[in-house]
PDB file of all heavy atoms in Angstrom:
ATOM      1  N   TRP A   1       0.853  -1.181   0.004  1.00  0.00           N
ATOM      2  CA  TRP A   1       0.002   0.019  -0.013  1.00  0.00           C
ATOM      3  C   TRP A   1       0.891   1.214   0.024  1.00  0.00           C
ATOM      4  O   TRP A   1       1.007   1.890   1.011  1.00  0.00           O
ATOM      5  CB  TRP A   1      -0.953  -0.014   1.166  1.00  0.00           C
ATOM      6  CG  TRP A   1      -2.282   0.609   0.917  1.00  0.00           C
ATOM      7  CD1 TRP A   1      -2.656   1.294  -0.159  1.00  0.00           C
ATOM      8  CD2 TRP A   1      -3.350   0.647   1.821  1.00  0.00           C
ATOM      9  NE1 TRP A   1      -3.957   1.725  -0.001  1.00  0.00           N
ATOM     10  CE2 TRP A   1      -4.431   1.284   1.156  1.00  0.00           C
ATOM     11  CE3 TRP A   1      -3.544   0.113   3.147  1.00  0.00           C
ATOM     12  CZ2 TRP A   1      -5.676   1.535   1.796  1.00  0.00           C
ATOM     13  CZ3 TRP A   1      -4.795   0.346   3.714  1.00  0.00           C
ATOM     14  CH2 TRP A   1      -5.868   1.041   3.071  1.00  0.00           C
ATOM     15  N   ARG A   2       1.449   1.481  -1.128  1.00  0.00           N
ATOM     16  CA  ARG A   2       2.449   2.614  -1.322  1.00  0.00           C
ATOM     17  C   ARG A   2       1.826   3.918  -0.996  1.00  0.00           C
ATOM     18  O   ARG A   2       2.481   4.847  -0.421  1.00  0.00           O
ATOM     19  CB  ARG A   2       2.953   2.587  -2.741  1.00  0.00           C
ATOM     20  CG  ARG A   2       3.984   3.602  -3.101  1.00  0.00           C
ATOM     21  CD  ARG A   2       4.536   3.315  -4.487  1.00  0.00           C
ATOM     22  NE  ARG A   2       3.552   2.959  -5.473  1.00  0.00           N
ATOM     23  CZ  ARG A   2       2.831   3.855  -6.106  1.00  0.00           C
ATOM     24  NH1 ARG A   2       2.895   5.167  -5.910  1.00  0.00           N
ATOM     25  NH2 ARG A   2       1.898   3.454  -7.062  1.00  0.00           N
ATOM     26  N   ARG A   3       0.602   4.139  -1.406  1.00  0.00           N
ATOM     27  CA  ARG A   3      -0.073   5.448  -1.085  1.00  0.00           C
ATOM     28  C   ARG A   3      -1.469   5.084  -0.584  1.00  0.00           C
ATOM     29  O   ARG A   3      -2.399   5.019  -1.295  1.00  0.00           O
ATOM     30  CB  ARG A   3      -0.121   6.270  -2.447  1.00  0.00           C
ATOM     31  CG  ARG A   3      -0.562   7.682  -2.170  1.00  0.00           C
ATOM     32  CD  ARG A   3      -0.586   8.521  -3.448  1.00  0.00           C
ATOM     33  NE  ARG A   3      -1.535   8.064  -4.415  1.00  0.00           N
ATOM     34  CZ  ARG A   3      -1.349   7.449  -5.528  1.00  0.00           C
ATOM     35  NH1 ARG A   3      -0.042   7.098  -5.867  1.00  0.00           N
ATOM     36  NH2 ARG A   3      -2.294   7.118  -6.391  1.00  0.00           N
ATOM     37  N   PRO A   4      -1.580   5.007   0.748  1.00  0.00           N
ATOM     38  CA  PRO A   4      -2.864   4.629   1.395  1.00  0.00           C
ATOM     39  C   PRO A   4      -3.933   5.690   1.129  1.00  0.00           C
ATOM     40  O   PRO A   4      -3.672   6.885   1.070  1.00  0.00           O
ATOM     41  CB  PRO A   4      -2.522   4.527   2.796  1.00  0.00           C
ATOM     42  CG  PRO A   4      -1.025   4.290   2.839  1.00  0.00           C
ATOM     43  CD  PRO A   4      -0.484   5.065   1.757  1.00  0.00           C
ATOM     44  N   THR A   5      -5.175   5.238   0.969  1.00  0.00           N
ATOM     45  CA  THR A   5      -6.351   6.157   0.811  1.00  0.00           C
ATOM     46  C   THR A   5      -7.361   5.667   1.776  1.00  0.00           C
ATOM     47  O   THR A   5      -7.372   4.527   2.263  1.00  0.00           O
ATOM     48  CB  THR A   5      -6.888   6.094  -0.580  1.00  0.00           C
ATOM     49  OG1 THR A   5      -6.972   4.722  -1.054  1.00  0.00           O
ATOM     50  CG2 THR A   5      -5.911   6.803  -1.562  1.00  0.00           C
ATOM     51  N   PRO A   6      -8.287   6.518   2.167  1.00  0.00           N
ATOM     52  CA  PRO A   6      -9.371   6.081   3.142  1.00  0.00           C
ATOM     53  C   PRO A   6     -10.137   4.908   2.566  1.00  0.00           C
ATOM     54  O   PRO A   6     -10.415   4.769   1.390  1.00  0.00           O
ATOM     55  CB  PRO A   6     -10.188   7.338   3.212  1.00  0.00           C
ATOM     56  CG  PRO A   6      -9.367   8.507   2.803  1.00  0.00           C
ATOM     57  CD  PRO A   6      -8.447   7.929   1.738  1.00  0.00           C
ATOM     58  N   VAL A   7     -10.547   4.013   3.521  1.00  0.00           N
ATOM     59  CA  VAL A   7     -11.313   2.836   3.186  1.00  0.00           C
ATOM     60  C   VAL A   7     -12.483   2.679   4.169  1.00  0.00           C
ATOM     61  O   VAL A   7     -12.334   3.078   5.346  1.00  0.00           O
ATOM     62  CB  VAL A   7     -10.405   1.548   3.255  1.00  0.00           C
ATOM     63  CG1 VAL A   7      -9.475   1.491   2.076  1.00  0.00           C
ATOM     64  CG2 VAL A   7      -9.646   1.428   4.519  1.00  0.00           C
ATOM     65  N   SER A   8     -13.552   2.126   3.703  1.00  0.00           N
ATOM     66  CA  SER A   8     -14.734   1.839   4.495  1.00  0.00           C
ATOM     67  C   SER A   8     -15.678   0.947   3.625  1.00  0.00           C
ATOM     68  O   SER A   8     -15.429   0.942   2.421  1.00  0.00           O
ATOM     69  CB  SER A   8     -15.465   3.172   4.839  1.00  0.00           C
ATOM     70  OG  SER A   8     -15.918   3.805   3.695  1.00  0.00           O
ATOM     71  N   PRO A   9     -16.658   0.317   4.186  1.00  0.00           N
ATOM     72  CA  PRO A   9     -17.509  -0.475   3.390  1.00  0.00           C
ATOM     73  C   PRO A   9     -18.260   0.304   2.353  1.00  0.00           C
ATOM     74  O   PRO A   9     -18.872   1.320   2.581  1.00  0.00           O
ATOM     75  CB  PRO A   9     -18.527  -1.011   4.429  1.00  0.00           C
ATOM     76  CG  PRO A   9     -17.717  -1.039   5.765  1.00  0.00           C
ATOM     77  CD  PRO A   9     -16.901   0.245   5.618  1.00  0.00           C
ATOM     78  N   VAL A  10     -18.154  -0.168   1.076  1.00  0.00           N
ATOM     79  CA  VAL A  10     -18.772   0.507   0.012  1.00  0.00           C
ATOM     80  C   VAL A  10     -20.306   0.051  -0.038  1.00  0.00           C
ATOM     81  O   VAL A  10     -21.235   0.970  -0.254  1.00  0.00           O
ATOM     82  CB  VAL A  10     -18.157   0.154  -1.353  1.00  0.00           C
ATOM     83  CG1 VAL A  10     -18.975   0.733  -2.535  1.00  0.00           C
ATOM     84  CG2 VAL A  10     -16.741   0.703  -1.366  1.00  0.00           C
ATOM     85  N   ASP A  11     -20.553  -1.148   0.144  1.00  0.00           N
ATOM     86  CA  ASP A  11     -21.939  -1.654   0.205  1.00  0.00           C
ATOM     87  C   ASP A  11     -22.115  -2.452   1.495  1.00  0.00           C
ATOM     88  O   ASP A  11     -21.664  -3.614   1.652  1.00  0.00           O
ATOM     89  CB  ASP A  11     -22.158  -2.595  -0.996  1.00  0.00           C
ATOM     90  CG  ASP A  11     -23.559  -3.170  -1.032  1.00  0.00           C
ATOM     91  OD1 ASP A  11     -24.393  -2.832  -0.135  1.00  0.00           O
ATOM     92  OD2 ASP A  11     -23.927  -3.857  -2.028  1.00  0.00           O
ATOM     93  N   PRO A  12     -22.813  -1.850   2.482  1.00  0.00           N
ATOM     94  CA  PRO A  12     -22.939  -2.522   3.770  1.00  0.00           C
ATOM     95  C   PRO A  12     -23.717  -3.835   3.694  1.00  0.00           C
ATOM     96  O   PRO A  12     -23.590  -4.690   4.580  1.00  0.00           O
ATOM     97  CB  PRO A  12     -23.779  -1.480   4.573  1.00  0.00           C
ATOM     98  CG  PRO A  12     -23.484  -0.160   3.937  1.00  0.00           C
ATOM     99  CD  PRO A  12     -23.354  -0.486   2.491  1.00  0.00           C
ATOM    100  N   ALA A  13     -24.457  -4.088   2.590  1.00  0.00           N
ATOM    101  CA  ALA A  13     -25.137  -5.340   2.397  1.00  0.00           C
ATOM    102  C   ALA A  13     -24.127  -6.483   2.113  1.00  0.00           C
ATOM    103  O   ALA A  13     -24.390  -7.624   2.240  1.00  0.00           O
ATOM    104  CB  ALA A  13     -26.148  -5.194   1.262  1.00  0.00           C
ATOM    105  N   GLU A  14     -22.877  -6.055   1.611  1.00  0.00           N
ATOM    106  CA  GLU A  14     -21.873  -7.074   1.301  1.00  0.00           C
ATOM    107  C   GLU A  14     -20.743  -7.048   2.335  1.00  0.00           C
ATOM    108  O   GLU A  14     -20.216  -8.106   2.734  1.00  0.00           O
ATOM    109  CB  GLU A  14     -21.287  -6.720  -0.077  1.00  0.00           C
ATOM    110  CG  GLU A  14     -22.240  -6.864  -1.186  1.00  0.00           C
ATOM    111  CD  GLU A  14     -22.565  -8.359  -1.608  1.00  0.00           C
ATOM    112  OE1 GLU A  14     -21.702  -9.213  -1.224  1.00  0.00           O
ATOM    113  OE2 GLU A  14     -23.608  -8.530  -2.178  1.00  0.00           O
ATOM    114  N   THR A  15     -20.364  -5.907   2.834  1.00  0.00           N
ATOM    115  CA  THR A  15     -19.242  -5.690   3.748  1.00  0.00           C
ATOM    116  C   THR A  15     -19.608  -4.960   4.957  1.00  0.00           C
ATOM    117  O   THR A  15     -20.087  -3.835   4.967  1.00  0.00           O
ATOM    118  CB  THR A  15     -18.086  -4.941   3.038  1.00  0.00           C
ATOM    119  OG1 THR A  15     -17.798  -5.555   1.754  1.00  0.00           O
ATOM    120  CG2 THR A  15     -16.865  -4.825   3.867  1.00  0.00           C
ATOM    121  N   ALA A  16     -19.403  -5.615   6.176  1.00  0.00           N
ATOM    122  CA  ALA A  16     -19.811  -4.990   7.458  1.00  0.00           C
ATOM    123  C   ALA A  16     -18.789  -3.946   7.863  1.00  0.00           C
ATOM    124  O   ALA A  16     -19.136  -2.953   8.385  1.00  0.00           O
ATOM    125  CB  ALA A  16     -19.950  -6.098   8.487  1.00  0.00           C
ATOM    126  N   ARG A  17     -17.515  -4.269   7.672  1.00  0.00           N
ATOM    127  CA  ARG A  17     -16.449  -3.338   8.067  1.00  0.00           C
ATOM    128  C   ARG A  17     -15.183  -3.606   7.354  1.00  0.00           C
ATOM    129  O   ARG A  17     -14.987  -4.716   6.814  1.00  0.00           O
ATOM    130  CB  ARG A  17     -16.229  -3.323   9.576  1.00  0.00           C
ATOM    131  CG  ARG A  17     -15.641  -4.578  10.153  1.00  0.00           C
ATOM    132  CD  ARG A  17     -15.411  -4.502  11.669  1.00  0.00           C
ATOM    133  NE  ARG A  17     -14.941  -5.763  12.223  1.00  0.00           N
ATOM    134  CZ  ARG A  17     -13.849  -5.791  13.032  1.00  0.00           C
ATOM    135  NH1 ARG A  17     -13.093  -4.743  13.259  1.00  0.00           N
ATOM    136  NH2 ARG A  17     -13.438  -6.933  13.495  1.00  0.00           N
ATOM    137  N   VAL A  18     -14.292  -2.620   7.295  1.00  0.00           N
ATOM    138  CA  VAL A  18     -12.988  -2.646   6.698  1.00  0.00           C
ATOM    139  C   VAL A  18     -12.026  -2.270   7.819  1.00  0.00           C
ATOM    140  O   VAL A  18     -12.178  -1.255   8.444  1.00  0.00           O
ATOM    141  CB  VAL A  18     -12.815  -1.807   5.477  1.00  0.00           C
ATOM    142  CG1 VAL A  18     -11.414  -1.937   4.881  1.00  0.00           C
ATOM    143  CG2 VAL A  18     -13.876  -2.059   4.473  1.00  0.00           C
ATOM    144  N   PHE A  19     -10.927  -3.073   7.994  1.00  0.00           N
ATOM    145  CA  PHE A  19      -9.998  -2.867   9.083  1.00  0.00           C
ATOM    146  C   PHE A  19      -8.632  -3.402   8.759  1.00  0.00           C
ATOM    147  O   PHE A  19      -8.460  -4.257   7.827  1.00  0.00           O
ATOM    148  CB  PHE A  19     -10.536  -3.454  10.398  1.00  0.00           C
ATOM    149  CG  PHE A  19     -10.668  -4.982  10.410  1.00  0.00           C
ATOM    150  CD1 PHE A  19      -9.774  -5.778  11.051  1.00  0.00           C
ATOM    151  CD2 PHE A  19     -11.720  -5.608   9.693  1.00  0.00           C
ATOM    152  CE1 PHE A  19      -9.942  -7.172  11.093  1.00  0.00           C
ATOM    153  CE2 PHE A  19     -11.883  -6.960   9.715  1.00  0.00           C
ATOM    154  CZ  PHE A  19     -11.003  -7.734  10.396  1.00  0.00           C
ATOM    155  N   THR A  20      -7.665  -2.902   9.497  1.00  0.00           N
ATOM    156  CA  THR A  20      -6.319  -3.354   9.313  1.00  0.00           C
ATOM    157  C   THR A  20      -5.868  -4.073  10.639  1.00  0.00           C
ATOM    158  O   THR A  20      -6.367  -3.745  11.709  1.00  0.00           O
ATOM    159  CB  THR A  20      -5.334  -2.237   9.051  1.00  0.00           C
ATOM    160  OG1 THR A  20      -5.360  -1.283  10.095  1.00  0.00           O
ATOM    161  CG2 THR A  20      -5.583  -1.567   7.743  1.00  0.00           C
ATOM    162  N   VAL A  21      -4.966  -5.100  10.438  1.00  0.00           N
ATOM    163  CA  VAL A  21      -4.478  -5.843  11.631  1.00  0.00           C
ATOM    164  C   VAL A  21      -2.938  -5.848  11.533  1.00  0.00           C
ATOM    165  O   VAL A  21      -2.355  -6.217  10.544  1.00  0.00           O
ATOM    166  CB  VAL A  21      -4.936  -7.300  11.575  1.00  0.00           C
ATOM    167  CG1 VAL A  21      -4.428  -7.998  12.830  1.00  0.00           C
ATOM    168  CG2 VAL A  21      -6.429  -7.328  11.550  1.00  0.00           C
ATOM    169  N   PRO A  22      -2.291  -5.395  12.652  1.00  0.00           N
ATOM    170  CA  PRO A  22      -0.871  -5.408  12.668  1.00  0.00           C
ATOM    171  C   PRO A  22      -0.306  -6.826  12.559  1.00  0.00           C
ATOM    172  O   PRO A  22      -0.873  -7.820  13.086  1.00  0.00           O
ATOM    173  CB  PRO A  22      -0.463  -4.849  14.034  1.00  0.00           C
ATOM    174  CG  PRO A  22      -1.681  -4.005  14.419  1.00  0.00           C
ATOM    175  CD  PRO A  22      -2.850  -4.745  13.846  1.00  0.00           C
ATOM    176  N   VAL A  23       0.784  -6.966  11.717  1.00  0.00           N
ATOM    177  CA  VAL A  23       1.378  -8.292  11.547  1.00  0.00           C
ATOM    178  C   VAL A  23       1.846  -8.846  12.947  1.00  0.00           C
ATOM    179  O   VAL A  23       1.756 -10.027  13.225  1.00  0.00           O
ATOM    180  CB  VAL A  23       2.543  -8.303  10.608  1.00  0.00           C
ATOM    181  CG1 VAL A  23       3.338  -9.573  10.627  1.00  0.00           C
ATOM    182  CG2 VAL A  23       2.088  -7.935   9.154  1.00  0.00           C
ATOM    183  N   SER A  24       2.322  -7.919  13.781  1.00  0.00           N
ATOM    184  CA  SER A  24       2.794  -8.345  15.136  1.00  0.00           C
ATOM    185  C   SER A  24       1.639  -8.966  15.960  1.00  0.00           C
ATOM    186  O   SER A  24       1.805  -9.877  16.760  1.00  0.00           O
ATOM    187  CB  SER A  24       3.358  -7.102  15.910  1.00  0.00           C
ATOM    188  OG  SER A  24       2.413  -6.149  16.032  1.00  0.00           O
ATOM    189  N   GLU A  25       0.494  -8.422  15.742  1.00  0.00           N
ATOM    190  CA  GLU A  25      -0.713  -9.055  16.446  1.00  0.00           C
ATOM    191  C   GLU A  25      -1.076 -10.402  15.900  1.00  0.00           C
ATOM    192  O   GLU A  25      -1.391 -11.314  16.628  1.00  0.00           O
ATOM    193  CB  GLU A  25      -1.948  -8.070  16.336  1.00  0.00           C
ATOM    194  CG  GLU A  25      -3.132  -8.458  17.133  1.00  0.00           C
ATOM    195  CD  GLU A  25      -4.220  -7.383  17.088  1.00  0.00           C
ATOM    196  OE1 GLU A  25      -3.908  -6.192  16.928  1.00  0.00           O
ATOM    197  OE2 GLU A  25      -5.357  -7.762  17.148  1.00  0.00           O
ATOM    198  N   LEU A  26      -0.925 -10.572  14.646  1.00  0.00           N
ATOM    199  CA  LEU A  26      -1.187 -11.895  14.046  1.00  0.00           C
ATOM    200  C   LEU A  26      -0.193 -12.943  14.425  1.00  0.00           C
ATOM    201  O   LEU A  26      -0.449 -14.076  14.608  1.00  0.00           O
ATOM    202  CB  LEU A  26      -1.244 -11.745  12.503  1.00  0.00           C
ATOM    203  CG  LEU A  26      -2.348 -10.912  11.902  1.00  0.00           C
ATOM    204  CD1 LEU A  26      -2.133 -10.567  10.422  1.00  0.00           C
ATOM    205  CD2 LEU A  26      -3.670 -11.701  11.984  1.00  0.00           C
TER     206      LEU A  26
END
């Protein structure tokens, strides 16, 4: 993700949320 842009569900009927998870947490 060289140039991040805002993200959020485009269609709530398909996607409940958009989120990131740190690799360290995984």
